[in-house]
Amino acid sequence: MSLLNAALRAVFDVALRPFAALPPIVPVTIVALVSGIFALLVYRWTSNQPAIAAVKRRLFGHLLEVRLFNDDLRAVLAAQLRLLRENLTYLRLNLVPLLWMIVPFMLLIAQLQFHYGYEGLEVGEQTLLVVDLAPAAPADADGDQTAPRPPIELEAPAGVAVETAGVWVPSLRQVVWRLRADEPGRHELVVRADGGAFTKSLFVADPEGAAQWVRRSPTRRRAAILDQLLYPAEPSLPRGGPIARIDVQYGTAAISFFGLFDMHWLIAFLILSLAFAFALRNRLGVTL
């Protein structure tokens, strides 16, 4: 999974970099178009198209029954039961292509989230860096509220100020620092624990509004399969290491939907993908 994430990061980095100076809705629209076409092709190749067409015809016929015999309660109830049965059949026929598409779309959405889902810090803005220690680390003193602070240190580059010493929370096995963003750009924080060094990226937006292309990763986690699937923006932390996760607090971003209103990029992506899929279904010979 780590190799797959590394390959996907490289692919998306190359693919999205040319759009750094453009509004986010532009690359989101292009990716939605490609995704809509991909979904239609997968649907055509993996679904039983004749059966779906037959079910849709039967559904239309049962709807006509309800309209034509609306004064006959028994006929209407029978038609509604048949409608329910055919709807369940339609859902069953759509399950196979859905299963084929769910993993590719999860990988796609996870990658795009770290490009368009988070705001970078503003110059002068404060944030928290939270380090969760693994249960086997020295900090895990059986929940002892008086357990001493573990030997863990933070190194910050120029451009990021560490405003507080690490605050040790024994009950949560966490060490928390307050940071201040002083210079725009992508910075690498280094957490040292148990003889190892573990990095965490931090992105600060340019106050001049200059085009900046970067992945904004609010969390770096251990190499569990689900965490690697959902949080692929940075390499996973070592599975047997002293740190379970490192988090930085970012705000949630919104993109302009063609100047009409602002929304989360994922909502815009879903709207556009569905619109392209319905618009192109006949041209690609797909029955939905």
Protein backbone atom coordinates (compact mmCIF):
# COMPACT_ATOMS: atom_id res chain seq x y z
CA MET A 1 0.00 0.00 0.00
CA SER A 2 2.89 2.37 0.75
CA LEU A 3 4.30 1.86 -2.75
CA LEU A 4 0.87 2.46 -4.28
CA ASN A 5 0.43 5.68 -2.31
CA ALA A 6 3.89 6.88 -3.31
CA ALA A 7 3.09 6.22 -6.97
CA LEU A 8 -0.29 7.97 -6.72
CA ARG A 9 1.27 10.98 -4.99
CA ALA A 10 3.76 11.29 -7.84
CA VAL A 11 1.03 10.95 -10.49
CA PHE A 12 -1.27 13.52 -8.89
CA ASP A 13 1.61 15.88 -8.19
CA VAL A 14 2.52 15.91 -11.88
CA ALA A 15 -1.09 16.06 -13.07
CA LEU A 16 -2.24 18.89 -10.78
CA ARG A 17 0.87 21.09 -10.77
CA PRO A 18 -0.01 22.86 -14.08
CA PHE A 19 -3.27 24.10 -12.50
CA ALA A 20 -1.62 25.74 -9.48
CA ALA A 21 -2.31 29.27 -10.75
CA LEU A 22 -5.94 28.53 -11.68
CA PRO A 23 -9.05 28.47 -9.47
CA PRO A 24 -9.50 25.02 -7.89
CA ILE A 25 -12.80 24.51 -9.72
CA VAL A 26 -10.85 24.15 -12.99
CA PRO A 27 -8.85 21.01 -12.06
CA VAL A 28 -11.83 19.66 -10.10
CA THR A 29 -13.98 19.99 -13.25
CA ILE A 30 -11.39 18.26 -15.42
CA VAL A 31 -10.97 15.41 -12.93
CA ALA A 32 -14.77 15.13 -12.67
CA LEU A 33 -15.05 14.81 -16.46
CA VAL A 34 -12.41 12.07 -16.58
CA SER A 35 -14.02 10.36 -13.58
CA GLY A 36 -17.47 10.48 -15.17
CA ILE A 37 -16.16 8.86 -18.36
CA PHE A 38 -14.25 6.26 -16.34
CA ALA A 39 -17.36 5.43 -14.31
CA LEU A 40 -19.46 5.03 -17.46
CA LEU A 41 -16.91 2.69 -19.05
CA VAL A 42 -16.62 0.58 -15.90
CA TYR A 43 -20.41 0.50 -15.64
CA ARG A 44 -20.74 -0.64 -19.26
CA TRP A 45 -18.08 -3.34 -18.93
CA THR A 46 -19.13 -4.76 -15.55
CA SER A 47 -22.93 -4.44 -15.49
CA ASN A 48 -25.61 -6.53 -17.18
CA GLN A 49 -26.80 -3.86 -19.60
CA PRO A 50 -29.68 -5.87 -21.19
CA ALA A 51 -31.03 -6.79 -17.74
CA ILE A 52 -30.85 -3.17 -16.57
CA ALA A 53 -32.71 -2.00 -19.67
CA ALA A 54 -35.39 -4.66 -19.10
CA VAL A 55 -35.81 -3.65 -15.45
CA LYS A 56 -36.20 0.00 -16.42
CA ARG A 57 -38.91 -0.93 -18.93
CA ARG A 58 -40.77 -2.91 -16.29
CA LEU A 59 -40.48 -0.04 -13.82
CA PHE A 60 -41.97 2.34 -16.37
CA GLY A 61 -44.80 -0.12 -17.02
CA HIS A 62 -45.63 -0.45 -13.32
CA LEU A 63 -45.65 3.34 -12.96
CA LEU A 64 -48.19 3.48 -15.78
CA GLU A 65 -50.26 0.88 -13.93
CA VAL A 66 -50.43 3.13 -10.89
CA ARG A 67 -51.58 6.06 -13.01
CA LEU A 68 -54.08 4.12 -15.14
CA PHE A 69 -55.71 2.14 -12.34
CA ASN A 70 -55.57 4.74 -9.58
CA ASP A 71 -59.24 4.08 -8.77
CA ASP A 72 -58.57 0.39 -8.11
CA LEU A 73 -56.88 0.06 -4.73
CA ARG A 74 -55.97 -3.60 -5.19
CA ALA A 75 -54.38 -2.97 -8.59
CA VAL A 76 -52.46 0.04 -7.26
CA LEU A 77 -51.10 -1.91 -4.28
CA ALA A 78 -50.07 -4.80 -6.53
CA ALA A 79 -48.31 -2.38 -8.91
CA GLN A 80 -46.49 -0.73 -6.00
CA LEU A 81 -45.29 -4.11 -4.75
CA ARG A 82 -43.99 -4.89 -8.23
CA LEU A 83 -42.30 -1.47 -8.30
CA LEU A 84 -40.57 -2.28 -5.02
CA ARG A 85 -39.43 -5.67 -6.34
CA GLU A 86 -38.06 -4.18 -9.57
CA ASN A 87 -36.29 -1.40 -7.65
CA LEU A 88 -34.54 -4.03 -5.54
CA THR A 89 -33.57 -5.86 -8.73
CA TYR A 90 -32.22 -2.61 -10.18
CA LEU A 91 -30.15 -1.99 -7.05
CA ARG A 92 -28.79 -5.55 -7.18
CA LEU A 93 -27.74 -5.12 -10.81
CA ASN A 94 -25.94 -1.89 -9.90
CA LEU A 95 -24.05 -3.47 -7.02
CA VAL A 96 -21.40 -5.15 -9.20
CA PRO A 97 -20.20 -1.99 -11.01
CA LEU A 98 -20.34 -0.11 -7.71
CA LEU A 99 -17.97 -2.63 -6.13
CA TRP A 100 -15.58 -2.24 -9.08
CA MET A 101 -15.58 1.55 -8.74
CA ILE A 102 -15.48 2.08 -4.99
CA VAL A 103 -11.75 1.47 -4.43
CA PRO A 104 -10.50 3.61 -7.39
CA PHE A 105 -12.76 6.46 -6.32
CA MET A 106 -11.65 6.20 -2.69
CA LEU A 107 -8.03 6.46 -3.82
CA LEU A 108 -8.87 9.42 -6.05
CA ILE A 109 -10.84 11.30 -3.40
CA ALA A 110 -8.16 10.71 -0.76
CA GLN A 111 -5.50 12.25 -3.02
CA LEU A 112 -7.61 15.26 -4.03
CA GLN A 113 -8.65 15.96 -0.44
CA PHE A 114 -5.08 16.89 0.48
CA HIS A 115 -4.82 19.30 -2.44
CA TYR A 116 -8.19 21.06 -2.14
CA GLY A 117 -9.75 20.10 1.19
CA TYR A 118 -7.66 22.17 3.61
CA GLU A 119 -6.65 25.80 3.99
CA GLY A 120 -3.00 26.63 4.50
CA LEU A 121 -2.08 28.58 7.61
CA GLU A 122 -1.90 32.35 7.29
CA VAL A 123 1.29 34.18 8.22
CA GLY A 124 1.03 34.95 11.93
CA GLU A 125 -1.62 32.27 12.52
CA GLN A 126 -1.23 29.85 15.40
CA THR A 127 -1.89 26.13 15.33
CA LEU A 128 -1.32 23.06 17.45
CA LEU A 129 0.99 20.16 16.75
CA VAL A 130 -0.28 17.04 18.51
CA VAL A 131 1.87 13.92 18.81
CA ASP A 132 0.19 10.69 19.92
CA LEU A 133 2.59 8.20 21.41
CA ALA A 134 2.17 4.50 20.79
CA PRO A 135 0.85 2.40 23.71
CA ALA A 136 4.21 0.64 24.05
CA ALA A 137 6.10 3.92 24.41
CA PRO A 138 7.56 4.91 27.80
CA ALA A 139 4.79 7.48 28.15
CA ASP A 140 2.20 4.70 28.56
CA ALA A 141 2.52 4.42 32.32
CA ASP A 142 -0.76 2.52 32.75
CA GLY A 143 -2.78 5.72 32.60
CA ASP A 144 -0.86 7.25 35.55
CA GLN A 145 -1.81 10.94 35.62
CA THR A 146 1.53 11.73 37.30
CA ALA A 147 3.66 9.92 34.72
CA PRO A 148 6.66 12.06 33.75
CA ARG A 149 6.89 13.73 30.36
CA PRO A 150 8.55 11.31 27.92
CA PRO A 151 11.83 12.22 26.18
CA ILE A 152 10.32 13.73 23.04
CA GLU A 153 11.46 16.96 21.38
CA LEU A 154 10.35 19.14 18.48
CA GLU A 155 12.62 20.88 15.98
CA ALA A 156 11.08 23.59 13.81
CA PRO A 157 12.72 25.25 10.79
CA ALA A 158 13.07 28.97 10.22
CA GLY A 159 9.64 30.29 9.34
CA VAL A 160 7.84 28.38 12.09
CA ALA A 161 8.03 29.53 15.71
CA VAL A 162 7.47 27.12 18.60
CA GLU A 163 5.59 29.25 21.13
CA THR A 164 5.24 26.74 23.97
CA ALA A 165 7.10 23.80 25.38
CA GLY A 166 5.49 20.46 24.74
CA VAL A 167 2.52 19.93 27.06
CA TRP A 168 2.31 16.32 28.22
CA VAL A 169 -1.18 14.80 28.59
CA PRO A 170 -0.65 11.39 30.26
CA SER A 171 -4.25 10.18 29.97
CA LEU A 172 -4.19 10.64 26.17
CA ARG A 173 -0.51 9.78 25.67
CA GLN A 174 -0.14 13.09 23.82
CA VAL A 175 2.43 15.85 23.65
CA VAL A 176 1.11 19.17 22.33
CA TRP A 177 2.99 22.23 21.08
CA ARG A 178 1.63 25.59 19.98
CA LEU A 179 3.20 26.87 16.76
CA ARG A 180 3.10 30.17 14.89
CA ALA A 181 3.48 30.48 11.12
CA ASP A 182 6.01 33.22 10.33
CA GLU A 183 6.92 32.62 6.68
CA PRO A 184 4.96 31.24 3.71
CA GLY A 185 5.91 27.95 2.13
CA ARG A 186 6.13 24.27 2.95
CA HIS A 187 8.04 23.53 6.15
CA GLU A 188 9.28 20.28 7.67
CA LEU A 189 8.91 19.79 11.42
CA VAL A 190 11.01 17.10 13.09
CA VAL A 191 9.83 15.19 16.15
CA ARG A 192 12.55 13.25 17.95
CA ALA A 193 11.52 10.35 20.16
CA ASP A 194 13.14 7.11 21.31
CA GLY A 195 16.23 7.75 19.21
CA GLY A 196 14.28 8.28 15.98
CA ALA A 197 13.42 11.37 13.93
CA PHE A 198 9.92 11.72 12.43
CA THR A 199 8.97 14.54 10.09
CA LYS A 200 5.66 16.33 9.60
CA SER A 201 4.89 18.84 6.86
CA LEU A 202 3.38 22.26 7.59
CA PHE A 203 2.06 24.57 4.89
CA VAL A 204 1.79 28.36 5.23
CA ALA A 205 -0.07 30.27 2.51
CA ASP A 206 1.50 33.20 0.68
CA PRO A 207 -0.11 36.48 1.86
CA GLU A 208 0.48 37.96 -1.60
CA GLY A 209 -1.76 35.30 -3.11
CA ALA A 210 0.99 33.85 -5.29
CA ALA A 211 0.21 30.51 -6.90
CA GLN A 212 1.30 27.70 -4.60
CA TRP A 213 1.00 24.04 -5.33
CA VAL A 214 1.34 21.75 -2.35
CA ARG A 215 -0.30 18.89 -0.51
CA ARG A 216 -1.75 20.01 2.83
CA SER A 217 -1.59 17.06 5.18
CA PRO A 218 -3.22 17.48 8.61
CA THR A 219 -2.11 14.07 9.86
CA ARG A 220 0.63 11.50 9.48
CA ARG A 221 -0.20 8.06 10.85
CA ARG A 222 1.11 4.55 11.26
CA ALA A 223 1.08 2.03 8.43
CA ALA A 224 -2.34 0.48 9.09
CA ILE A 225 -4.20 -0.37 5.87
CA LEU A 226 -7.19 1.90 6.54
CA ASP A 227 -4.99 4.82 7.58
CA GLN A 228 -2.87 4.41 4.45
CA LEU A 229 -6.02 4.39 2.34
CA LEU A 230 -7.54 7.51 3.94
CA TYR A 231 -4.38 9.54 4.67
CA PRO A 232 -1.95 9.01 1.79
CA ALA A 233 -0.48 12.53 1.61
CA GLU A 234 2.68 11.62 3.55
CA PRO A 235 4.61 8.38 4.05
CA SER A 236 3.29 6.33 6.96
CA LEU A 237 4.99 6.33 10.34
CA PRO A 238 6.86 3.11 11.18
CA ARG A 239 4.49 0.44 12.47
CA GLY A 240 6.68 -0.45 15.44
CA GLY A 241 7.88 3.07 16.20
CA PRO A 242 7.23 5.15 19.32
CA ILE A 243 4.75 7.52 17.62
CA ALA A 244 1.25 6.54 16.52
CA ARG A 245 0.30 9.79 14.75
CA ILE A 246 1.29 13.43 14.30
CA ASP A 247 -1.44 16.00 13.68
CA VAL A 248 -1.45 19.65 12.61
CA GLN A 249 -4.66 21.67 12.71
CA TYR A 250 -5.73 23.17 9.37
CA GLY A 251 -8.99 24.87 8.50
CA THR A 252 -11.43 23.30 6.02
CA ALA A 253 -11.24 24.88 2.56
CA ALA A 254 -14.12 25.86 0.28
CA ILE A 255 -13.87 26.44 -3.46
CA SER A 256 -15.87 28.79 -5.65
CA PHE A 257 -18.39 26.91 -7.82
CA PHE A 258 -17.95 28.97 -11.02
CA GLY A 259 -18.39 32.18 -9.05
CA LEU A 260 -21.93 31.28 -7.94
CA PHE A 261 -21.27 30.16 -4.36
CA ASP A 262 -18.65 28.44 -2.25
CA MET A 263 -18.74 24.76 -1.37
CA HIS A 264 -16.51 21.90 -0.34
CA TRP A 265 -14.56 20.55 -3.31
CA LEU A 266 -16.03 17.04 -2.85
CA ILE A 267 -19.60 18.29 -3.28
CA ALA A 268 -18.60 20.12 -6.47
CA PHE A 269 -16.78 17.02 -7.70
CA LEU A 270 -19.80 14.76 -7.12
CA ILE A 271 -22.20 17.20 -8.80
CA LEU A 272 -19.97 17.58 -11.85
CA SER A 273 -19.15 13.86 -12.11
CA LEU A 274 -22.83 12.93 -12.08
CA ALA A 275 -23.67 15.69 -14.56
CA PHE A 276 -20.96 14.54 -16.99
CA ALA A 277 -21.99 10.89 -16.58
CA PHE A 278 -25.64 11.60 -17.40
CA ALA A 279 -24.71 13.93 -20.26
CA LEU A 280 -22.39 11.37 -21.88
CA ARG A 281 -24.22 8.11 -21.16
CA ASN A 282 -25.96 7.91 -24.56
CA ARG A 283 -22.83 8.86 -26.49
CA LEU A 284 -20.94 6.05 -24.76
CA GLY A 285 -23.83 3.62 -25.15
CA VAL A 286 -24.47 3.08 -21.46
CA THR A 287 -27.84 2.32 -19.88
CA LEU A 288 -28.00 3.63 -16.32
